Amino acid sequence: MPTFYAPDGTPLACHLSARASGGSEPPVVCVPGGMQDSVYLGDLGGLGAHRRLALLDLRGTGRSGTPRDAASYRCDRLVDDVEALRAHIGLETMDLLAHSGGANVAVQYAARHPERVGRLALITPSTRAVGIEITGDVRRETVELRRDEPWFAEASAALRSIVAGEATDEHWQAIAPFYYGRWDAAARAHHAAEDEQRNHEALAAFGADGAFDPDTTRSALGRLDAPVLLLAGEVDLAAPPSTTAEFGKLFPNSESAAVVVQPGAGHFPWLDDPGHFAATVGAFLA
């Protein structure tokens, strides 16, 4: 897909997958997390076989341009980039999928443009935009699910150091297995690529003062008519299932918002069990 432009003139890139076999539906717009190149999403475990995917490179990442004003990396300001992509594709309404920190952008988009959202899929979502905090107890309970893993002792000790404010780069590396359902070769390769794919300046600005207005966003989500799927990984340290369930309660009623926990999955559930992930999300988007 050709480059398109944000309202401030920043060139943005979107990667459009091949049309799904036999499918005629418009693409699902996908918002990555962590101010990271959308390449880390891959084809979302084969989800592209169910629906065509439009993977947005957020400003300053992947093939998108660097903005003149670094303050424009702030989460609430990225909403305009998503709206620019919708207009570029020519959709009156769009199905929107967001992963991790991208969920903060997606729910603020839904709050600001509810009439533009057909379906909303939030994958292991961050909850900063709605003001839900993850308690230490919840994180500890999630970590204990991995007690039998061979790397647990080292990772657990590193996590304690981080919580105590004694974090080093080695500690952050040591807890990486907690973010994957299986700490295998594929997970290691995925994690190793992360640093080069991420714009650290953009990530630092993402949550700057003014980025979130939880009360306003929560109120708007309570009026959202669109069907919503919130998918949690059973062993995800970053977005534990209980926190995702609390997030789900912000939407109007149980019929429009479903919380699904993928067994054995971490923060990247399409890597842990691609078939399960694609079938679950594909059915929701069908």
C-alpha atoms as a PDB file:
ATOM      1  CA  MET A   1       0.000   0.000   0.000  1.00  0.00           C
ATOM      2  CA  PRO A   2       1.401   3.462  -0.850  1.00  0.00           C
ATOM      3  CA  THR A   3       2.494   5.799   1.903  1.00  0.00           C
ATOM      4  CA  PHE A   4      -0.222   7.989   3.359  1.00  0.00           C
ATOM      5  CA  TYR A   5       0.023  11.014   5.614  1.00  0.00           C
ATOM      6  CA  ALA A   6      -0.990  11.944   9.125  1.00  0.00           C
ATOM      7  CA  PRO A   7      -2.724  15.306   9.681  1.00  0.00           C
ATOM      8  CA  ASP A   8       0.624  16.824  10.724  1.00  0.00           C
ATOM      9  CA  GLY A   9       2.255  15.654   7.487  1.00  0.00           C
ATOM     10  CA  THR A  10       4.170  12.683   8.908  1.00  0.00           C
ATOM     11  CA  PRO A  11       4.378   9.902   6.286  1.00  0.00           C
ATOM     12  CA  LEU A  12       2.922   6.647   7.552  1.00  0.00           C
ATOM     13  CA  ALA A  13       3.140   3.076   6.262  1.00  0.00           C
ATOM     14  CA  CYS A  14       0.668   0.226   6.355  1.00  0.00           C
ATOM     15  CA  HIS A  15       1.358  -3.362   5.314  1.00  0.00           C
ATOM     16  CA  LEU A  16      -1.644  -4.930   3.621  1.00  0.00           C
ATOM     17  CA  SER A  17      -1.702  -8.715   3.500  1.00  0.00           C
ATOM     18  CA  ALA A  18      -3.021 -10.736   0.587  1.00  0.00           C
ATOM     19  CA  ARG A  19      -6.783 -11.145   0.455  1.00  0.00           C
ATOM     20  CA  ALA A  20      -7.960 -14.118   2.495  1.00  0.00           C
ATOM     21  CA  SER A  21      -9.027 -17.095   0.421  1.00  0.00           C
ATOM     22  CA  GLY A  22     -12.612 -16.618  -0.663  1.00  0.00           C
ATOM     23  CA  GLY A  23     -12.899 -13.490   1.455  1.00  0.00           C
ATOM     24  CA  SER A  24     -14.393 -10.216   0.330  1.00  0.00           C
ATOM     25  CA  GLU A  25     -14.469  -8.367   3.655  1.00  0.00           C
ATOM     26  CA  PRO A  26     -12.432  -5.183   4.117  1.00  0.00           C
ATOM     27  CA  PRO A  27      -9.143  -5.500   6.013  1.00  0.00           C
ATOM     28  CA  VAL A  28      -8.819  -5.531   9.781  1.00  0.00           C
ATOM     29  CA  VAL A  29      -6.743  -2.559  10.925  1.00  0.00           C
ATOM     30  CA  CYS A  30      -4.045  -3.781  13.349  1.00  0.00           C
ATOM     31  CA  VAL A  31      -2.310  -1.489  15.847  1.00  0.00           C
ATOM     32  CA  PRO A  32       0.949  -2.830  17.343  1.00  0.00           C
ATOM     33  CA  GLY A  33       2.176  -2.178  20.866  1.00  0.00           C
ATOM     34  CA  GLY A  34       5.404  -0.951  22.405  1.00  0.00           C
ATOM     35  CA  MET A  35       6.101   1.672  19.690  1.00  0.00           C
ATOM     36  CA  GLN A  36       7.506  -1.239  17.729  1.00  0.00           C
ATOM     37  CA  ASP A  37       7.702  -2.120  14.032  1.00  0.00           C
ATOM     38  CA  SER A  38       4.524  -4.041  13.159  1.00  0.00           C
ATOM     39  CA  VAL A  39       6.685  -6.839  11.717  1.00  0.00           C
ATOM     40  CA  TYR A  40       6.679  -8.487  15.158  1.00  0.00           C
ATOM     41  CA  LEU A  41       2.986  -9.298  14.674  1.00  0.00           C
ATOM     42  CA  GLY A  42       3.808 -11.516  11.694  1.00  0.00           C
ATOM     43  CA  ASP A  43       0.539 -12.767  10.223  1.00  0.00           C
ATOM     44  CA  LEU A  44      -0.891 -13.140  13.746  1.00  0.00           C
ATOM     45  CA  GLY A  45      -0.657 -16.900  13.752  1.00  0.00           C
ATOM     46  CA  GLY A  46      -2.452 -17.320  10.447  1.00  0.00           C
ATOM     47  CA  LEU A  47      -5.248 -14.850  11.159  1.00  0.00           C
ATOM     48  CA  GLY A  48      -4.604 -13.501   7.670  1.00  0.00           C
ATOM     49  CA  ALA A  49      -6.189 -16.672   6.291  1.00  0.00           C
ATOM     50  CA  HIS A  50      -9.448 -15.592   7.942  1.00  0.00           C
ATOM     51  CA  ARG A  51      -9.337 -11.845   7.255  1.00  0.00           C
ATOM     52  CA  ARG A  52      -7.066  -9.528   5.313  1.00  0.00           C
ATOM     53  CA  LEU A  53      -4.793  -7.572   7.683  1.00  0.00           C
ATOM     54  CA  ALA A  54      -3.743  -3.910   7.496  1.00  0.00           C
ATOM     55  CA  LEU A  55      -0.714  -3.657   9.809  1.00  0.00           C
ATOM     56  CA  LEU A  56       0.017  -0.056  10.758  1.00  0.00           C
ATOM     57  CA  ASP A  57       3.583   1.064  11.434  1.00  0.00           C
ATOM     58  CA  LEU A  58       3.091   3.739  14.075  1.00  0.00           C
ATOM     59  CA  ARG A  59       4.988   6.965  13.460  1.00  0.00           C
ATOM     60  CA  GLY A  60       8.702   6.583  14.034  1.00  0.00           C
ATOM     61  CA  THR A  61       8.607   2.806  13.613  1.00  0.00           C
ATOM     62  CA  GLY A  62       9.030   0.395  10.711  1.00  0.00           C
ATOM     63  CA  ARG A  63       8.615   2.154   7.386  1.00  0.00           C
ATOM     64  CA  SER A  64       6.726   5.140   8.789  1.00  0.00           C
ATOM     65  CA  GLY A  65       8.441   8.486   9.005  1.00  0.00           C
ATOM     66  CA  THR A  66       9.811  10.307  12.029  1.00  0.00           C
ATOM     67  CA  PRO A  67       7.639  13.273  13.063  1.00  0.00           C
ATOM     68  CA  ARG A  68       9.044  16.778  13.401  1.00  0.00           C
ATOM     69  CA  ASP A  69       7.555  17.011  16.909  1.00  0.00           C
ATOM     70  CA  ALA A  70       8.555  14.147  19.236  1.00  0.00           C
ATOM     71  CA  ALA A  71       5.637  15.065  21.515  1.00  0.00           C
ATOM     72  CA  SER A  72       3.357  13.625  18.814  1.00  0.00           C
ATOM     73  CA  TYR A  73       4.375  10.129  19.963  1.00  0.00           C
ATOM     74  CA  ARG A  74       1.988  10.614  22.880  1.00  0.00           C
ATOM     75  CA  CYS A  75      -0.700   7.943  22.959  1.00  0.00           C
ATOM     76  CA  ASP A  76      -3.737  10.192  22.562  1.00  0.00           C
ATOM     77  CA  ARG A  77      -2.168  11.920  19.557  1.00  0.00           C
ATOM     78  CA  LEU A  78      -1.645   8.600  17.770  1.00  0.00           C
ATOM     79  CA  VAL A  79      -5.432   8.304  17.486  1.00  0.00           C
ATOM     80  CA  ASP A  80      -5.270  10.731  14.556  1.00  0.00           C
ATOM     81  CA  ASP A  81      -2.896   8.368  12.718  1.00  0.00           C
ATOM     82  CA  VAL A  82      -5.394   5.509  13.005  1.00  0.00           C
ATOM     83  CA  GLU A  83      -8.143   7.767  11.691  1.00  0.00           C
ATOM     84  CA  ALA A  84      -5.904   8.811   8.798  1.00  0.00           C
ATOM     85  CA  LEU A  85      -5.430   5.137   7.888  1.00  0.00           C
ATOM     86  CA  ARG A  86      -9.186   4.499   7.973  1.00  0.00           C
ATOM     87  CA  ALA A  87      -9.774   7.415   5.633  1.00  0.00           C
ATOM     88  CA  HIS A  88      -6.915   6.303   3.362  1.00  0.00           C
ATOM     89  CA  ILE A  89      -8.340   2.810   2.999  1.00  0.00           C
ATOM     90  CA  GLY A  90     -11.759   4.343   2.391  1.00  0.00           C
ATOM     91  CA  LEU A  91     -13.730   2.559   5.120  1.00  0.00           C
ATOM     92  CA  GLU A  92     -16.852   4.021   6.683  1.00  0.00           C
ATOM     93  CA  THR A  93     -16.398   1.661   9.612  1.00  0.00           C
ATOM     94  CA  MET A  94     -13.527  -0.676  10.369  1.00  0.00           C
ATOM     95  CA  ASP A  95     -12.762  -3.707  12.477  1.00  0.00           C
ATOM     96  CA  LEU A  96      -9.882  -2.785  14.760  1.00  0.00           C
ATOM     97  CA  LEU A  97      -7.372  -5.138  16.406  1.00  0.00           C
ATOM     98  CA  ALA A  98      -4.751  -3.933  18.866  1.00  0.00           C
ATOM     99  CA  HIS A  99      -2.024  -5.678  20.813  1.00  0.00           C
ATOM    100  CA  SER A 100      -0.557  -4.750  24.192  1.00  0.00           C
ATOM    101  CA  GLY A 101       0.128  -0.994  24.394  1.00  0.00           C
ATOM    102  CA  GLY A 102      -1.664  -0.528  21.091  1.00  0.00           C
ATOM    103  CA  ALA A 103      -4.886  -1.201  23.001  1.00  0.00           C
ATOM    104  CA  ASN A 104      -4.455   2.193  24.664  1.00  0.00           C
ATOM    105  CA  VAL A 105      -4.560   3.809  21.235  1.00  0.00           C
ATOM    106  CA  ALA A 106      -7.474   1.649  20.087  1.00  0.00           C
ATOM    107  CA  VAL A 107      -9.756   2.353  23.047  1.00  0.00           C
ATOM    108  CA  GLN A 108      -9.077   6.068  22.801  1.00  0.00           C
ATOM    109  CA  TYR A 109      -9.916   5.822  19.107  1.00  0.00           C
ATOM    110  CA  ALA A 110     -13.158   4.004  19.967  1.00  0.00           C
ATOM    111  CA  ALA A 111     -13.969   6.650  22.569  1.00  0.00           C
ATOM    112  CA  ARG A 112     -13.407   9.472  20.093  1.00  0.00           C
ATOM    113  CA  HIS A 113     -14.844   7.800  16.964  1.00  0.00           C
ATOM    114  CA  PRO A 114     -17.349   5.170  18.149  1.00  0.00           C
ATOM    115  CA  GLU A 115     -19.310   5.363  14.910  1.00  0.00           C
ATOM    116  CA  ARG A 116     -16.215   4.207  12.980  1.00  0.00           C
ATOM    117  CA  VAL A 117     -15.678   0.955  14.921  1.00  0.00           C
ATOM    118  CA  GLY A 118     -17.297  -2.224  13.633  1.00  0.00           C
ATOM    119  CA  ARG A 119     -15.621  -4.764  15.916  1.00  0.00           C
ATOM    120  CA  LEU A 120     -12.850  -4.258  18.451  1.00  0.00           C
ATOM    121  CA  ALA A 121     -10.349  -7.009  19.346  1.00  0.00           C
ATOM    122  CA  LEU A 122      -7.937  -6.251  22.193  1.00  0.00           C
ATOM    123  CA  ILE A 123      -5.115  -8.797  22.452  1.00  0.00           C
ATOM    124  CA  THR A 124      -3.304  -9.068  25.824  1.00  0.00           C
ATOM    125  CA  PRO A 125      -4.192  -5.402  26.292  1.00  0.00           C
ATOM    126  CA  SER A 126      -2.477  -2.759  28.360  1.00  0.00           C
ATOM    127  CA  THR A 127      -4.924  -0.984  30.673  1.00  0.00           C
ATOM    128  CA  ARG A 128      -3.216   2.392  31.152  1.00  0.00           C
ATOM    129  CA  ALA A 129      -5.806   4.300  29.116  1.00  0.00           C
ATOM    130  CA  VAL A 130      -8.605   3.117  31.408  1.00  0.00           C
ATOM    131  CA  GLY A 131      -6.729   3.492  34.687  1.00  0.00           C
ATOM    132  CA  ILE A 132      -6.667  -0.151  35.769  1.00  0.00           C
ATOM    133  CA  GLU A 133      -3.521  -1.002  37.711  1.00  0.00           C
ATOM    134  CA  ILE A 134      -2.005  -4.466  37.929  1.00  0.00           C
ATOM    135  CA  THR A 135      -1.268  -5.216  41.564  1.00  0.00           C
ATOM    136  CA  GLY A 136       1.852  -6.896  42.836  1.00  0.00           C
ATOM    137  CA  ASP A 137      -0.228  -9.779  44.152  1.00  0.00           C
ATOM    138  CA  VAL A 138      -1.693 -10.451  40.716  1.00  0.00           C
ATOM    139  CA  ARG A 139       1.747 -10.441  39.116  1.00  0.00           C
ATOM    140  CA  ARG A 140       3.104 -12.793  41.780  1.00  0.00           C
ATOM    141  CA  GLU A 141       0.204 -15.203  41.284  1.00  0.00           C
ATOM    142  CA  THR A 142       0.832 -15.173  37.535  1.00  0.00           C
ATOM    143  CA  VAL A 143       4.550 -15.781  37.976  1.00  0.00           C
ATOM    144  CA  GLU A 144       3.902 -18.784  40.236  1.00  0.00           C
ATOM    145  CA  LEU A 145       2.207 -20.578  37.347  1.00  0.00           C
ATOM    146  CA  ARG A 146       5.688 -20.983  35.832  1.00  0.00           C
ATOM    147  CA  ARG A 147       7.320 -22.461  38.923  1.00  0.00           C
ATOM    148  CA  ASP A 148       8.141 -25.775  37.243  1.00  0.00           C
ATOM    149  CA  GLU A 149      10.002 -24.169  34.333  1.00  0.00           C
ATOM    150  CA  PRO A 150      13.795 -24.708  34.307  1.00  0.00           C
ATOM    151  CA  TRP A 151      14.478 -20.977  34.011  1.00  0.00           C
ATOM    152  CA  PHE A 152      12.073 -19.976  36.805  1.00  0.00           C
ATOM    153  CA  ALA A 153      14.544 -19.431  39.661  1.00  0.00           C
ATOM    154  CA  GLU A 154      16.730 -17.006  37.715  1.00  0.00           C
ATOM    155  CA  ALA A 155      13.776 -15.140  36.196  1.00  0.00           C
ATOM    156  CA  SER A 156      11.961 -14.898  39.522  1.00  0.00           C
ATOM    157  CA  ALA A 157      15.054 -13.512  41.282  1.00  0.00           C
ATOM    158  CA  ALA A 158      15.470 -10.930  38.520  1.00  0.00           C
ATOM    159  CA  LEU A 159      11.822  -9.904  38.836  1.00  0.00           C
ATOM    160  CA  ARG A 160      12.251  -9.369  42.580  1.00  0.00           C
ATOM    161  CA  SER A 161      15.212  -7.092  41.892  1.00  0.00           C
ATOM    162  CA  ILE A 162      13.183  -5.095  39.377  1.00  0.00           C
ATOM    163  CA  VAL A 163      10.298  -4.685  41.820  1.00  0.00           C
ATOM    164  CA  ALA A 164      12.787  -3.560  44.491  1.00  0.00           C
ATOM    165  CA  GLY A 165      14.038  -0.810  42.188  1.00  0.00           C
ATOM    166  CA  GLU A 166      17.379  -2.482  41.520  1.00  0.00           C
ATOM    167  CA  ALA A 167      16.831  -3.290  37.855  1.00  0.00           C
ATOM    168  CA  THR A 168      19.714  -3.782  35.448  1.00  0.00           C
ATOM    169  CA  ASP A 169      19.673  -4.666  31.756  1.00  0.00           C
ATOM    170  CA  GLU A 170      20.553  -8.222  32.762  1.00  0.00           C
ATOM    171  CA  HIS A 171      17.498  -8.402  35.019  1.00  0.00           C
ATOM    172  CA  TRP A 172      15.188  -7.278  32.213  1.00  0.00           C
ATOM    173  CA  GLN A 173      16.665  -9.886  29.909  1.00  0.00           C
ATOM    174  CA  ALA A 174      16.282 -12.580  32.557  1.00  0.00           C
ATOM    175  CA  ILE A 175      12.515 -12.083  32.911  1.00  0.00           C
ATOM    176  CA  ALA A 176      11.844 -12.384  29.163  1.00  0.00           C
ATOM    177  CA  PRO A 177      10.569 -15.996  29.498  1.00  0.00           C
ATOM    178  CA  PHE A 178       7.643 -14.727  31.578  1.00  0.00           C
ATOM    179  CA  TYR A 179       6.220 -13.073  28.438  1.00  0.00           C
ATOM    180  CA  TYR A 180       6.031 -16.260  26.379  1.00  0.00           C
ATOM    181  CA  GLY A 181       3.979 -19.378  26.903  1.00  0.00           C
ATOM    182  CA  ARG A 182       6.923 -21.465  25.690  1.00  0.00           C
ATOM    183  CA  TRP A 183      10.497 -20.260  26.037  1.00  0.00           C
ATOM    184  CA  ASP A 184      11.655 -22.093  22.922  1.00  0.00           C
ATOM    185  CA  ALA A 185      13.810 -21.135  19.932  1.00  0.00           C
ATOM    186  CA  ALA A 186      10.968 -19.224  18.263  1.00  0.00           C
ATOM    187  CA  ALA A 187      10.321 -17.202  21.425  1.00  0.00           C
ATOM    188  CA  ARG A 188      14.014 -16.446  21.866  1.00  0.00           C
ATOM    189  CA  ALA A 189      14.309 -15.227  18.285  1.00  0.00           C
ATOM    190  CA  HIS A 190      11.172 -13.112  18.650  1.00  0.00           C
ATOM    191  CA  HIS A 191      12.535 -11.507  21.816  1.00  0.00           C
ATOM    192  CA  ALA A 192      16.019 -10.970  20.356  1.00  0.00           C
ATOM    193  CA  ALA A 193      14.577  -8.927  17.476  1.00  0.00           C
ATOM    194  CA  GLU A 194      12.564  -6.676  19.779  1.00  0.00           C
ATOM    195  CA  ASP A 195      15.187  -4.069  20.639  1.00  0.00           C
ATOM    196  CA  GLU A 196      15.993  -3.175  17.022  1.00  0.00           C
ATOM    197  CA  GLN A 197      12.295  -2.997  16.141  1.00  0.00           C
ATOM    198  CA  ARG A 198      11.433  -0.552  18.925  1.00  0.00           C
ATOM    199  CA  ASN A 199      11.711   3.242  18.921  1.00  0.00           C
ATOM    200  CA  HIS A 200      12.808   3.970  22.496  1.00  0.00           C
ATOM    201  CA  GLU A 201      12.365   7.736  22.188  1.00  0.00           C
ATOM    202  CA  ALA A 202       8.786   7.195  21.031  1.00  0.00           C
ATOM    203  CA  LEU A 203       8.119   4.697  23.817  1.00  0.00           C
ATOM    204  CA  ALA A 204       9.324   7.203  26.423  1.00  0.00           C
ATOM    205  CA  ALA A 205       6.949   9.856  25.040  1.00  0.00           C
ATOM    206  CA  PHE A 206       3.997   7.480  24.611  1.00  0.00           C
ATOM    207  CA  GLY A 207       2.754   7.850  28.192  1.00  0.00           C
ATOM    208  CA  ALA A 208       3.759  11.479  28.790  1.00  0.00           C
ATOM    209  CA  ASP A 209       1.523  13.794  30.823  1.00  0.00           C
ATOM    210  CA  GLY A 210      -1.831  14.164  29.122  1.00  0.00           C
ATOM    211  CA  ALA A 211      -1.617  10.877  27.224  1.00  0.00           C
ATOM    212  CA  PHE A 212      -4.473   9.303  29.157  1.00  0.00           C
ATOM    213  CA  ASP A 213      -7.814  10.500  30.511  1.00  0.00           C
ATOM    214  CA  PRO A 214      -9.176   7.335  32.152  1.00  0.00           C
ATOM    215  CA  ASP A 215     -12.474   8.772  33.373  1.00  0.00           C
ATOM    216  CA  THR A 216     -13.412  10.137  29.952  1.00  0.00           C
ATOM    217  CA  THR A 217     -12.323   6.968  28.162  1.00  0.00           C
ATOM    218  CA  ARG A 218     -14.158   4.657  30.577  1.00  0.00           C
ATOM    219  CA  SER A 219     -17.337   6.694  30.238  1.00  0.00           C
ATOM    220  CA  ALA A 220     -17.160   6.558  26.437  1.00  0.00           C
ATOM    221  CA  LEU A 221     -16.495   2.812  26.364  1.00  0.00           C
ATOM    222  CA  GLY A 222     -19.585   2.312  28.497  1.00  0.00           C
ATOM    223  CA  ARG A 223     -21.618   3.661  25.579  1.00  0.00           C
ATOM    224  CA  LEU A 224     -19.846   1.730  22.819  1.00  0.00           C
ATOM    225  CA  ASP A 225     -22.193  -0.440  20.742  1.00  0.00           C
ATOM    226  CA  ALA A 226     -19.538  -2.415  18.879  1.00  0.00           C
ATOM    227  CA  PRO A 227     -18.847  -6.068  19.777  1.00  0.00           C
ATOM    228  CA  VAL A 228     -15.584  -6.396  21.724  1.00  0.00           C
ATOM    229  CA  LEU A 229     -13.197  -9.307  22.262  1.00  0.00           C
ATOM    230  CA  LEU A 230     -10.545  -9.151  24.969  1.00  0.00           C
ATOM    231  CA  LEU A 231      -8.076 -12.027  24.709  1.00  0.00           C
ATOM    232  CA  ALA A 232      -5.730 -12.769  27.606  1.00  0.00           C
ATOM    233  CA  GLY A 233      -2.866 -15.225  27.880  1.00  0.00           C
ATOM    234  CA  GLU A 234      -3.186 -17.570  30.843  1.00  0.00           C
ATOM    235  CA  VAL A 235       0.405 -16.990  32.009  1.00  0.00           C
ATOM    236  CA  ASP A 236       0.930 -13.428  30.749  1.00  0.00           C
ATOM    237  CA  LEU A 237       2.823 -11.317  33.281  1.00  0.00           C
ATOM    238  CA  ALA A 238       2.137  -8.095  31.351  1.00  0.00           C
ATOM    239  CA  ALA A 239      -1.647  -8.443  31.033  1.00  0.00           C
ATOM    240  CA  PRO A 240      -2.887 -11.094  33.490  1.00  0.00           C
ATOM    241  CA  PRO A 241      -6.337 -12.615  32.868  1.00  0.00           C
ATOM    242  CA  SER A 242      -7.901 -11.108  35.994  1.00  0.00           C
ATOM    243  CA  THR A 243      -6.894  -7.613  34.887  1.00  0.00           C
ATOM    244  CA  THR A 244      -8.229  -8.236  31.387  1.00  0.00           C
ATOM    245  CA  ALA A 245     -11.512  -9.456  32.905  1.00  0.00           C
ATOM    246  CA  GLU A 246     -11.758  -6.210  34.880  1.00  0.00           C
ATOM    247  CA  PHE A 247     -11.153  -4.313  31.634  1.00  0.00           C
ATOM    248  CA  GLY A 248     -14.009  -6.227  30.000  1.00  0.00           C
ATOM    249  CA  LYS A 249     -16.463  -4.993  32.620  1.00  0.00           C
ATOM    250  CA  LEU A 250     -16.085  -1.441  31.303  1.00  0.00           C
ATOM    251  CA  PHE A 251     -18.030  -2.278  28.149  1.00  0.00           C
ATOM    252  CA  PRO A 252     -21.839  -2.054  28.050  1.00  0.00           C
ATOM    253  CA  ASN A 253     -22.872  -5.664  28.662  1.00  0.00           C
ATOM    254  CA  SER A 254     -21.679  -9.253  28.523  1.00  0.00           C
ATOM    255  CA  GLU A 255     -23.248  -9.771  25.108  1.00  0.00           C
ATOM    256  CA  SER A 256     -21.110  -7.124  23.458  1.00  0.00           C
ATOM    257  CA  ALA A 257     -17.822  -7.809  25.295  1.00  0.00           C
ATOM    258  CA  ALA A 258     -16.298 -11.265  25.619  1.00  0.00           C
ATOM    259  CA  VAL A 259     -13.176 -12.046  27.656  1.00  0.00           C
ATOM    260  CA  VAL A 260     -11.339 -15.160  26.466  1.00  0.00           C
ATOM    261  CA  VAL A 261      -8.304 -16.712  28.168  1.00  0.00           C
ATOM    262  CA  GLN A 262      -6.006 -18.694  25.868  1.00  0.00           C
ATOM    263  CA  PRO A 263      -4.594 -21.659  27.816  1.00  0.00           C
ATOM    264  CA  GLY A 264      -0.840 -21.678  28.301  1.00  0.00           C
ATOM    265  CA  ALA A 265      -0.332 -18.440  26.395  1.00  0.00           C
ATOM    266  CA  GLY A 266       1.838 -15.473  27.286  1.00  0.00           C
ATOM    267  CA  HIS A 267       1.908 -11.940  25.956  1.00  0.00           C
ATOM    268  CA  PHE A 268       2.172 -13.056  22.324  1.00  0.00           C
ATOM    269  CA  PRO A 269      -0.547 -15.722  22.100  1.00  0.00           C
ATOM    270  CA  TRP A 270      -0.307 -16.136  18.321  1.00  0.00           C
ATOM    271  CA  LEU A 271       3.205 -17.553  18.849  1.00  0.00           C
ATOM    272  CA  ASP A 272       2.231 -19.967  21.637  1.00  0.00           C
ATOM    273  CA  ASP A 273      -0.654 -21.636  19.815  1.00  0.00           C
ATOM    274  CA  PRO A 274      -1.218 -20.124  16.365  1.00  0.00           C
ATOM    275  CA  GLY A 275      -4.150 -22.354  15.493  1.00  0.00           C
ATOM    276  CA  HIS A 276      -6.046 -21.614  18.692  1.00  0.00           C
ATOM    277  CA  PHE A 277      -5.405 -17.892  18.408  1.00  0.00           C
ATOM    278  CA  ALA A 278      -6.373 -17.584  14.740  1.00  0.00           C
ATOM    279  CA  ALA A 279      -9.509 -19.677  15.203  1.00  0.00           C
ATOM    280  CA  THR A 280     -10.658 -17.644  18.225  1.00  0.00           C
ATOM    281  CA  VAL A 281     -10.018 -14.192  16.806  1.00  0.00           C
ATOM    282  CA  GLY A 282     -11.031 -15.236  13.293  1.00  0.00           C
ATOM    283  CA  ALA A 283     -14.426 -16.431  14.539  1.00  0.00           C
ATOM    284  CA  PHE A 284     -14.964 -13.137  16.342  1.00  0.00           C
ATOM    285  CA  LEU A 285     -14.089 -11.130  13.226  1.00  0.00           C
ATOM    286  CA  ALA A 286     -16.062 -13.336  10.828  1.00  0.00           C
END
